[in-house]
Amino acid sequence: MLISSSLCLLLCAGCTTTQPPKVVVKYVTVERHIPASLIRPPPPGWSKPGGPEITADFIERGDVNETALRVCTAQIRKIAEWDRQ
């Protein structure tokens, strides 16, 4: 009986492990794409064949270019907000 008890203890001791469990690290690449609505081209600049001729042309050109600048600024702000998500 003593031999079988000792043998059992030796067999059980051989099955136990004293090493700490291994940590497995898995890297996952997440690709993010900017939504199409945020990468649309900016509005076209003002153009007139022959260039501006009268003062009203300069005023109109300034208004068109200012509007385009505001659109681009809003678009960049939205891209920055999307990037923070």
N, C-alpha and C. Protein backbone atom coordinates (compact mmCIF):
# COMPACT_ATOMS: atom_id res chain seq x y z
N MET A 1 0.82 -1.19 0.00
CA MET A 1 0.00 0.00 0.00
C MET A 1 0.87 1.25 0.00
N LEU A 2 1.96 1.20 0.74
CA LEU A 2 2.87 2.33 0.82
C LEU A 2 3.52 2.58 -0.53
N ILE A 3 3.84 1.55 -1.24
CA ILE A 3 4.48 1.69 -2.55
C ILE A 3 3.50 2.30 -3.55
N SER A 4 2.26 1.85 -3.53
CA SER A 4 1.29 2.37 -4.49
C SER A 4 0.95 3.84 -4.19
N SER A 5 0.93 4.23 -2.90
CA SER A 5 0.68 5.62 -2.53
C SER A 5 1.83 6.49 -2.99
N SER A 6 3.06 6.02 -2.81
CA SER A 6 4.23 6.79 -3.23
C SER A 6 4.28 6.92 -4.75
N LEU A 7 3.97 5.85 -5.43
CA LEU A 7 3.96 5.85 -6.88
C LEU A 7 2.92 6.82 -7.41
N CYS A 8 1.76 6.86 -6.79
CA CYS A 8 0.69 7.76 -7.19
C CYS A 8 1.13 9.22 -7.01
N LEU A 9 1.80 9.52 -5.89
CA LEU A 9 2.27 10.87 -5.65
C LEU A 9 3.31 11.29 -6.68
N LEU A 10 4.19 10.38 -7.04
CA LEU A 10 5.21 10.69 -8.04
C LEU A 10 4.59 10.94 -9.41
N LEU A 11 3.60 10.14 -9.76
CA LEU A 11 2.94 10.32 -11.05
C LEU A 11 2.18 11.65 -11.09
N CYS A 12 1.48 11.97 -9.99
CA CYS A 12 0.72 13.22 -9.94
C CYS A 12 1.65 14.42 -9.94
N ALA A 13 2.79 14.33 -9.27
CA ALA A 13 3.74 15.43 -9.23
C ALA A 13 4.33 15.69 -10.61
N GLY A 14 4.47 14.65 -11.40
CA GLY A 14 5.00 14.80 -12.74
C GLY A 14 4.03 15.50 -13.69
N CYS A 15 2.74 15.49 -13.39
CA CYS A 15 1.73 16.11 -14.25
C CYS A 15 1.55 17.59 -13.93
N THR A 16 1.93 18.02 -12.76
CA THR A 16 1.73 19.43 -12.40
C THR A 16 2.83 20.28 -13.01
N THR A 17 2.52 21.50 -13.24
CA THR A 17 3.50 22.41 -13.82
C THR A 17 3.71 23.60 -12.88
N THR A 18 4.94 24.01 -12.77
CA THR A 18 5.23 25.15 -11.89
C THR A 18 5.54 26.40 -12.71
N GLN A 19 5.51 26.31 -14.03
CA GLN A 19 5.77 27.45 -14.87
C GLN A 19 4.52 28.34 -14.94
N PRO A 20 4.73 29.65 -14.97
CA PRO A 20 3.56 30.54 -15.10
C PRO A 20 2.94 30.38 -16.49
N PRO A 21 1.67 30.63 -16.61
CA PRO A 21 1.03 30.51 -17.93
C PRO A 21 1.61 31.54 -18.90
N LYS A 22 1.67 31.19 -20.15
CA LYS A 22 2.21 32.07 -21.18
C LYS A 22 1.13 33.02 -21.68
N VAL A 23 1.51 34.25 -21.91
CA VAL A 23 0.59 35.24 -22.46
C VAL A 23 0.83 35.31 -23.96
N VAL A 24 -0.21 35.14 -24.71
CA VAL A 24 -0.11 35.18 -26.16
C VAL A 24 -0.63 36.55 -26.62
N VAL A 25 0.19 37.26 -27.37
CA VAL A 25 -0.19 38.57 -27.87
C VAL A 25 -0.45 38.44 -29.36
N LYS A 26 -1.62 38.92 -29.78
CA LYS A 26 -1.97 38.87 -31.19
C LYS A 26 -2.23 40.29 -31.66
N TYR A 27 -1.49 40.73 -32.67
CA TYR A 27 -1.67 42.06 -33.22
C TYR A 27 -2.66 42.00 -34.38
N VAL A 28 -3.58 42.92 -34.38
CA VAL A 28 -4.58 42.99 -35.43
C VAL A 28 -4.48 44.36 -36.08
N THR A 29 -4.32 44.39 -37.37
CA THR A 29 -4.27 45.66 -38.10
C THR A 29 -5.69 46.05 -38.49
N VAL A 30 -6.06 47.25 -38.09
CA VAL A 30 -7.39 47.75 -38.41
C VAL A 30 -7.21 48.87 -39.43
N GLU A 31 -7.77 48.68 -40.59
CA GLU A 31 -7.68 49.70 -41.63
C GLU A 31 -8.91 50.59 -41.56
N ARG A 32 -8.64 51.87 -41.47
CA ARG A 32 -9.74 52.83 -41.45
C ARG A 32 -9.66 53.66 -42.72
N HIS A 33 -10.78 53.87 -43.32
CA HIS A 33 -10.84 54.68 -44.53
C HIS A 33 -11.70 55.90 -44.27
N ILE A 34 -11.25 57.03 -44.77
CA ILE A 34 -12.01 58.26 -44.61
C ILE A 34 -13.29 58.12 -45.44
N PRO A 35 -14.43 58.46 -44.84
CA PRO A 35 -15.69 58.37 -45.60
C PRO A 35 -15.64 59.23 -46.87
N ALA A 36 -16.27 58.73 -47.91
CA ALA A 36 -16.24 59.41 -49.21
C ALA A 36 -16.78 60.83 -49.12
N SER A 37 -17.74 61.07 -48.25
CA SER A 37 -18.32 62.40 -48.15
C SER A 37 -17.31 63.42 -47.63
N LEU A 38 -16.24 62.95 -46.97
CA LEU A 38 -15.24 63.86 -46.43
C LEU A 38 -14.06 64.10 -47.37
N ILE A 39 -13.99 63.34 -48.44
CA ILE A 39 -12.86 63.53 -49.36
C ILE A 39 -13.31 63.97 -50.74
N ARG A 40 -14.48 64.54 -50.82
CA ARG A 40 -14.93 65.05 -52.12
C ARG A 40 -14.08 66.27 -52.49
N PRO A 41 -13.94 66.54 -53.78
CA PRO A 41 -13.10 67.66 -54.19
C PRO A 41 -13.72 69.00 -53.77
N PRO A 42 -12.89 70.00 -53.58
CA PRO A 42 -13.42 71.32 -53.19
C PRO A 42 -14.17 71.96 -54.34
N PRO A 43 -14.99 72.94 -54.03
CA PRO A 43 -15.71 73.64 -55.12
C PRO A 43 -14.71 74.30 -56.06
N PRO A 44 -15.09 74.44 -57.33
CA PRO A 44 -14.16 75.07 -58.27
C PRO A 44 -13.97 76.55 -57.96
N GLY A 45 -12.80 77.04 -58.29
CA GLY A 45 -12.54 78.46 -58.12
C GLY A 45 -13.28 79.27 -59.19
N TRP A 46 -13.35 80.55 -58.95
CA TRP A 46 -14.04 81.44 -59.90
C TRP A 46 -13.19 81.56 -61.15
N SER A 47 -13.83 81.50 -62.28
CA SER A 47 -13.12 81.74 -63.53
C SER A 47 -14.07 82.37 -64.54
N LYS A 48 -13.51 83.19 -65.34
CA LYS A 48 -14.28 83.84 -66.40
C LYS A 48 -13.33 83.96 -67.59
N PRO A 49 -13.79 83.57 -68.76
CA PRO A 49 -12.91 83.71 -69.92
C PRO A 49 -12.43 85.16 -70.06
N GLY A 50 -11.16 85.32 -70.15
CA GLY A 50 -10.60 86.66 -70.28
C GLY A 50 -10.31 87.32 -68.94
N GLY A 51 -10.70 86.69 -67.84
CA GLY A 51 -10.43 87.24 -66.52
C GLY A 51 -11.44 88.30 -66.11
N PRO A 52 -11.28 88.84 -64.91
CA PRO A 52 -12.21 89.85 -64.44
C PRO A 52 -12.09 91.15 -65.27
N GLU A 53 -13.24 91.73 -65.57
CA GLU A 53 -13.24 92.94 -66.39
C GLU A 53 -13.76 94.14 -65.63
N ILE A 54 -14.73 93.93 -64.79
CA ILE A 54 -15.33 95.05 -64.05
C ILE A 54 -15.25 94.77 -62.55
N THR A 55 -15.52 95.77 -61.76
CA THR A 55 -15.44 95.64 -60.31
C THR A 55 -16.34 94.53 -59.79
N ALA A 56 -17.49 94.36 -60.37
CA ALA A 56 -18.42 93.31 -59.93
C ALA A 56 -17.80 91.93 -60.08
N ASP A 57 -16.95 91.76 -61.09
CA ASP A 57 -16.27 90.46 -61.27
C ASP A 57 -15.35 90.16 -60.10
N PHE A 58 -14.64 91.18 -59.61
CA PHE A 58 -13.76 90.98 -58.46
C PHE A 58 -14.56 90.65 -57.20
N ILE A 59 -15.70 91.30 -57.06
CA ILE A 59 -16.56 91.03 -55.89
C ILE A 59 -17.10 89.61 -55.97
N GLU A 60 -17.57 89.23 -57.15
CA GLU A 60 -18.11 87.87 -57.33
C GLU A 60 -17.02 86.83 -57.09
N ARG A 61 -15.82 87.09 -57.62
CA ARG A 61 -14.72 86.15 -57.44
C ARG A 61 -14.38 85.99 -55.95
N GLY A 62 -14.37 87.10 -55.24
CA GLY A 62 -14.10 87.03 -53.80
C GLY A 62 -15.16 86.23 -53.06
N ASP A 63 -16.43 86.43 -53.43
CA ASP A 63 -17.51 85.69 -52.77
C ASP A 63 -17.42 84.20 -53.06
N VAL A 64 -17.15 83.84 -54.32
CA VAL A 64 -17.04 82.43 -54.70
C VAL A 64 -15.86 81.78 -53.98
N ASN A 65 -14.72 82.45 -53.96
CA ASN A 65 -13.54 81.87 -53.31
C ASN A 65 -13.71 81.79 -51.79
N GLU A 66 -14.39 82.76 -51.19
CA GLU A 66 -14.64 82.69 -49.74
C GLU A 66 -15.56 81.52 -49.41
N THR A 67 -16.58 81.31 -50.22
CA THR A 67 -17.47 80.17 -50.00
C THR A 67 -16.72 78.85 -50.13
N ALA A 68 -15.85 78.75 -51.13
CA ALA A 68 -15.05 77.53 -51.30
C ALA A 68 -14.14 77.30 -50.10
N LEU A 69 -13.55 78.39 -49.60
CA LEU A 69 -12.68 78.27 -48.42
C LEU A 69 -13.47 77.79 -47.20
N ARG A 70 -14.67 78.28 -47.03
CA ARG A 70 -15.51 77.82 -45.90
C ARG A 70 -15.88 76.34 -46.04
N VAL A 71 -16.16 75.91 -47.27
CA VAL A 71 -16.48 74.50 -47.50
C VAL A 71 -15.27 73.63 -47.15
N CYS A 72 -14.09 74.04 -47.59
CA CYS A 72 -12.87 73.27 -47.30
C CYS A 72 -12.57 73.25 -45.81
N THR A 73 -12.77 74.37 -45.14
CA THR A 73 -12.53 74.44 -43.70
C THR A 73 -13.46 73.50 -42.95
N ALA A 74 -14.74 73.49 -43.32
CA ALA A 74 -15.70 72.59 -42.67
C ALA A 74 -15.35 71.14 -42.95
N GLN A 75 -14.90 70.86 -44.16
CA GLN A 75 -14.53 69.49 -44.52
C GLN A 75 -13.33 69.03 -43.71
N ILE A 76 -12.34 69.86 -43.54
CA ILE A 76 -11.16 69.50 -42.74
C ILE A 76 -11.54 69.31 -41.28
N ARG A 77 -12.44 70.14 -40.77
CA ARG A 77 -12.91 69.99 -39.38
C ARG A 77 -13.61 68.64 -39.20
N LYS A 78 -14.42 68.25 -40.17
CA LYS A 78 -15.12 66.95 -40.09
C LYS A 78 -14.14 65.79 -40.15
N ILE A 79 -13.09 65.92 -40.98
CA ILE A 79 -12.07 64.86 -41.06
C ILE A 79 -11.37 64.73 -39.72
N ALA A 80 -11.05 65.86 -39.09
CA ALA A 80 -10.39 65.82 -37.77
C ALA A 80 -11.29 65.18 -36.73
N GLU A 81 -12.59 65.48 -36.75
CA GLU A 81 -13.55 64.85 -35.82
C GLU A 81 -13.61 63.35 -36.07
N TRP A 82 -13.66 62.95 -37.33
CA TRP A 82 -13.72 61.53 -37.67
C TRP A 82 -12.46 60.82 -37.19
N ASP A 83 -11.32 61.47 -37.31
CA ASP A 83 -10.05 60.87 -36.93
C ASP A 83 -9.95 60.66 -35.41
N ARG A 84 -10.62 61.51 -34.63
CA ARG A 84 -10.59 61.35 -33.18
C ARG A 84 -11.46 60.19 -32.67
N GLN A 85 -12.30 59.67 -33.53
CA GLN A 85 -13.19 58.57 -33.10
C GLN A 85 -12.43 57.28 -32.95
